[in-house]
């Protein structure tokens, strides 16, 4: 009898431990895109938190080498669908970076690099 109680207690502890870890995993989506039409760069990103009440803040930067070409910031709750344009030079390579915080917690920076044709 004692062994059964110990085994059941161990199984219950394992199940509760796995459930607690699963709750802590956040499913954040952060996806920047950079496209060109002539000398116009379209800078887009979608940020989706795992909860509609989560507060999101983002800073989006378009880089021309080591220099910031353009920068924008915005915030919202649950999701942000960001889109801005900038005038660029053909033949140059640009990098779009997105820094986001969700409920004050910094997320890994995401970026995309492309050359204006």
C-alpha atoms as a PDB file:
ATOM      1  CA  UNK A   1       0.000   0.000   0.000  1.00  0.00           C
ATOM      2  CA  UNK A   2       2.766   2.429   0.950  1.00  0.00           C
ATOM      3  CA  UNK A   3       4.551   1.779  -2.346  1.00  0.00           C
ATOM      4  CA  UNK A   4       1.397   2.566  -4.326  1.00  0.00           C
ATOM      5  CA  UNK A   5       0.962   5.886  -2.536  1.00  0.00           C
ATOM      6  CA  UNK A   6       4.608   6.792  -3.231  1.00  0.00           C
ATOM      7  CA  UNK A   7       4.331   5.857  -6.906  1.00  0.00           C
ATOM      8  CA  UNK A   8       1.090   7.843  -7.322  1.00  0.00           C
ATOM      9  CA  UNK A   9       2.653  10.813  -5.511  1.00  0.00           C
ATOM     10  CA  UNK A  10       5.667  10.689  -7.808  1.00  0.00           C
ATOM     11  CA  UNK A  11       3.493  10.521 -10.926  1.00  0.00           C
ATOM     12  CA  UNK A  12       1.361  13.427  -9.688  1.00  0.00           C
ATOM     13  CA  UNK A  13       4.482  15.509  -8.978  1.00  0.00           C
ATOM     14  CA  UNK A  14       5.810  14.831 -12.486  1.00  0.00           C
ATOM     15  CA  UNK A  15       2.512  15.763 -14.115  1.00  0.00           C
ATOM     16  CA  UNK A  16       2.246  19.006 -12.151  1.00  0.00           C
ATOM     17  CA  UNK A  17       5.866  19.881 -12.969  1.00  0.00           C
ATOM     18  CA  UNK A  18       5.294  19.379 -16.691  1.00  0.00           C
ATOM     19  CA  UNK A  19       2.084  21.433 -16.591  1.00  0.00           C
ATOM     20  CA  UNK A  20       3.823  24.324 -14.831  1.00  0.00           C
ATOM     21  CA  UNK A  21       6.600  24.362 -17.431  1.00  0.00           C
ATOM     22  CA  UNK A  22       4.134  24.287 -20.302  1.00  0.00           C
ATOM     23  CA  UNK A  23       2.307  27.343 -18.934  1.00  0.00           C
ATOM     24  CA  UNK A  24       5.547  29.379 -18.850  1.00  0.00           C
ATOM     25  CA  UNK A  25       6.295  28.882 -22.563  1.00  0.00           C
ATOM     26  CA  UNK A  26       5.240  31.965 -24.537  1.00  0.00           C
ATOM     27  CA  UNK A  27       4.280  31.671 -28.182  1.00  0.00           C
ATOM     28  CA  UNK A  28       5.381  35.068 -29.494  1.00  0.00           C
ATOM     29  CA  UNK A  29       5.448  35.656 -33.250  1.00  0.00           C
ATOM     30  CA  UNK A  30       7.783  38.335 -34.587  1.00  0.00           C
ATOM     31  CA  UNK A  31       8.389  38.454 -38.334  1.00  0.00           C
ATOM     32  CA  UNK A  32       9.935  41.428 -40.202  1.00  0.00           C
ATOM     33  CA  UNK A  33       9.856  41.800 -44.004  1.00  0.00           C
ATOM     34  CA  UNK A  34      11.659  44.251 -46.269  1.00  0.00           C
ATOM     35  CA  UNK A  35      10.686  44.757 -49.904  1.00  0.00           C
ATOM     36  CA  UNK A  36      11.451  47.301 -52.609  1.00  0.00           C
ATOM     37  CA  UNK A  37       9.526  48.982 -55.393  1.00  0.00           C
ATOM     38  CA  UNK A  38      11.878  51.239 -57.296  1.00  0.00           C
ATOM     39  CA  UNK A  39      13.471  53.459 -54.670  1.00  0.00           C
ATOM     40  CA  UNK A  40      10.768  52.867 -52.060  1.00  0.00           C
ATOM     41  CA  UNK A  41      11.456  50.387 -49.272  1.00  0.00           C
ATOM     42  CA  UNK A  42       8.446  48.891 -47.540  1.00  0.00           C
ATOM     43  CA  UNK A  43       9.230  47.912 -43.960  1.00  0.00           C
ATOM     44  CA  UNK A  44       6.719  45.578 -42.370  1.00  0.00           C
ATOM     45  CA  UNK A  45       6.522  43.489 -39.259  1.00  0.00           C
ATOM     46  CA  UNK A  46       3.854  41.551 -37.454  1.00  0.00           C
ATOM     47  CA  UNK A  47       4.166  40.991 -33.724  1.00  0.00           C
ATOM     48  CA  UNK A  48       1.642  38.703 -32.043  1.00  0.00           C
ATOM     49  CA  UNK A  49       1.680  37.939 -28.332  1.00  0.00           C
ATOM     50  CA  UNK A  50       0.067  34.840 -26.893  1.00  0.00           C
ATOM     51  CA  UNK A  51      -2.541  36.884 -25.035  1.00  0.00           C
ATOM     52  CA  UNK A  52      -4.752  39.742 -26.298  1.00  0.00           C
ATOM     53  CA  UNK A  53      -4.071  41.696 -23.083  1.00  0.00           C
ATOM     54  CA  UNK A  54      -0.259  41.572 -23.439  1.00  0.00           C
ATOM     55  CA  UNK A  55       1.320  45.012 -23.884  1.00  0.00           C
ATOM     56  CA  UNK A  56       3.675  45.165 -26.885  1.00  0.00           C
ATOM     57  CA  UNK A  57       6.205  47.887 -27.677  1.00  0.00           C
ATOM     58  CA  UNK A  58       8.372  47.794 -30.801  1.00  0.00           C
ATOM     59  CA  UNK A  59      11.178  49.818 -32.323  1.00  0.00           C
ATOM     60  CA  UNK A  60      11.768  49.252 -36.026  1.00  0.00           C
ATOM     61  CA  UNK A  61      14.986  50.463 -37.632  1.00  0.00           C
ATOM     62  CA  UNK A  62      16.053  50.519 -41.271  1.00  0.00           C
ATOM     63  CA  UNK A  63      19.848  50.444 -41.448  1.00  0.00           C
ATOM     64  CA  UNK A  64      22.088  51.670 -44.258  1.00  0.00           C
ATOM     65  CA  UNK A  65      25.345  50.004 -43.254  1.00  0.00           C
ATOM     66  CA  UNK A  66      26.162  51.150 -39.710  1.00  0.00           C
ATOM     67  CA  UNK A  67      23.860  54.201 -39.944  1.00  0.00           C
ATOM     68  CA  UNK A  68      20.199  54.297 -39.025  1.00  0.00           C
ATOM     69  CA  UNK A  69      18.344  55.353 -42.181  1.00  0.00           C
ATOM     70  CA  UNK A  70      14.864  55.471 -40.582  1.00  0.00           C
ATOM     71  CA  UNK A  71      13.388  54.574 -37.204  1.00  0.00           C
ATOM     72  CA  UNK A  72       9.836  54.118 -35.932  1.00  0.00           C
ATOM     73  CA  UNK A  73       8.297  53.105 -32.599  1.00  0.00           C
ATOM     74  CA  UNK A  74       4.789  52.028 -31.708  1.00  0.00           C
ATOM     75  CA  UNK A  75       2.923  50.049 -29.075  1.00  0.00           C
ATOM     76  CA  UNK A  76      -0.303  48.174 -28.634  1.00  0.00           C
ATOM     77  CA  UNK A  77      -1.977  45.190 -26.994  1.00  0.00           C
ATOM     78  CA  UNK A  78      -2.119  41.631 -28.255  1.00  0.00           C
ATOM     79  CA  UNK A  79      -0.828  42.264 -31.774  1.00  0.00           C
ATOM     80  CA  UNK A  80       0.824  44.931 -33.903  1.00  0.00           C
ATOM     81  CA  UNK A  81       0.711  45.004 -37.690  1.00  0.00           C
ATOM     82  CA  UNK A  82       3.361  47.590 -38.621  1.00  0.00           C
ATOM     83  CA  UNK A  83       4.013  49.065 -42.093  1.00  0.00           C
ATOM     84  CA  UNK A  84       6.063  52.106 -43.126  1.00  0.00           C
ATOM     85  CA  UNK A  85       7.944  53.198 -46.231  1.00  0.00           C
ATOM     86  CA  UNK A  86      11.246  54.981 -46.790  1.00  0.00           C
ATOM     87  CA  UNK A  87      13.074  56.304 -49.823  1.00  0.00           C
ATOM     88  CA  UNK A  88      16.235  54.292 -50.544  1.00  0.00           C
ATOM     89  CA  UNK A  89      19.017  54.089 -53.132  1.00  0.00           C
ATOM     90  CA  UNK A  90      19.201  51.389 -55.790  1.00  0.00           C
ATOM     91  CA  UNK A  91      22.085  48.939 -55.392  1.00  0.00           C
ATOM     92  CA  UNK A  92      22.490  49.517 -51.662  1.00  0.00           C
ATOM     93  CA  UNK A  93      21.988  46.830 -49.030  1.00  0.00           C
ATOM     94  CA  UNK A  94      19.610  47.601 -46.168  1.00  0.00           C
ATOM     95  CA  UNK A  95      18.878  45.794 -42.926  1.00  0.00           C
ATOM     96  CA  UNK A  96      15.544  45.979 -41.110  1.00  0.00           C
ATOM     97  CA  UNK A  97      15.671  45.235 -37.368  1.00  0.00           C
ATOM     98  CA  UNK A  98      12.803  44.853 -34.932  1.00  0.00           C
ATOM     99  CA  UNK A  99      13.228  45.110 -31.170  1.00  0.00           C
ATOM    100  CA  UNK A 100      10.142  44.193 -29.172  1.00  0.00           C
ATOM    101  CA  UNK A 101       9.136  43.993 -25.544  1.00  0.00           C
ATOM    102  CA  UNK A 102       6.084  42.131 -24.354  1.00  0.00           C
ATOM    103  CA  UNK A 103       4.858  43.081 -20.895  1.00  0.00           C
ATOM    104  CA  UNK A 104       8.256  44.701 -20.365  1.00  0.00           C
ATOM    105  CA  UNK A 105      10.223  41.557 -21.284  1.00  0.00           C
ATOM    106  CA  UNK A 106      12.655  42.039 -24.175  1.00  0.00           C
ATOM    107  CA  UNK A 107      12.261  39.562 -27.022  1.00  0.00           C
ATOM    108  CA  UNK A 108      15.130  38.391 -29.246  1.00  0.00           C
ATOM    109  CA  UNK A 109      15.836  40.920 -31.997  1.00  0.00           C
ATOM    110  CA  UNK A 110      14.685  39.849 -35.444  1.00  0.00           C
ATOM    111  CA  UNK A 111      16.124  41.190 -38.688  1.00  0.00           C
ATOM    112  CA  UNK A 112      16.138  40.812 -42.452  1.00  0.00           C
ATOM    113  CA  UNK A 113      18.731  42.097 -44.934  1.00  0.00           C
ATOM    114  CA  UNK A 114      18.059  42.816 -48.609  1.00  0.00           C
ATOM    115  CA  UNK A 115      19.582  44.763 -51.465  1.00  0.00           C
ATOM    116  CA  UNK A 116      17.523  47.305 -53.381  1.00  0.00           C
ATOM    117  CA  UNK A 117      17.574  46.154 -57.033  1.00  0.00           C
END
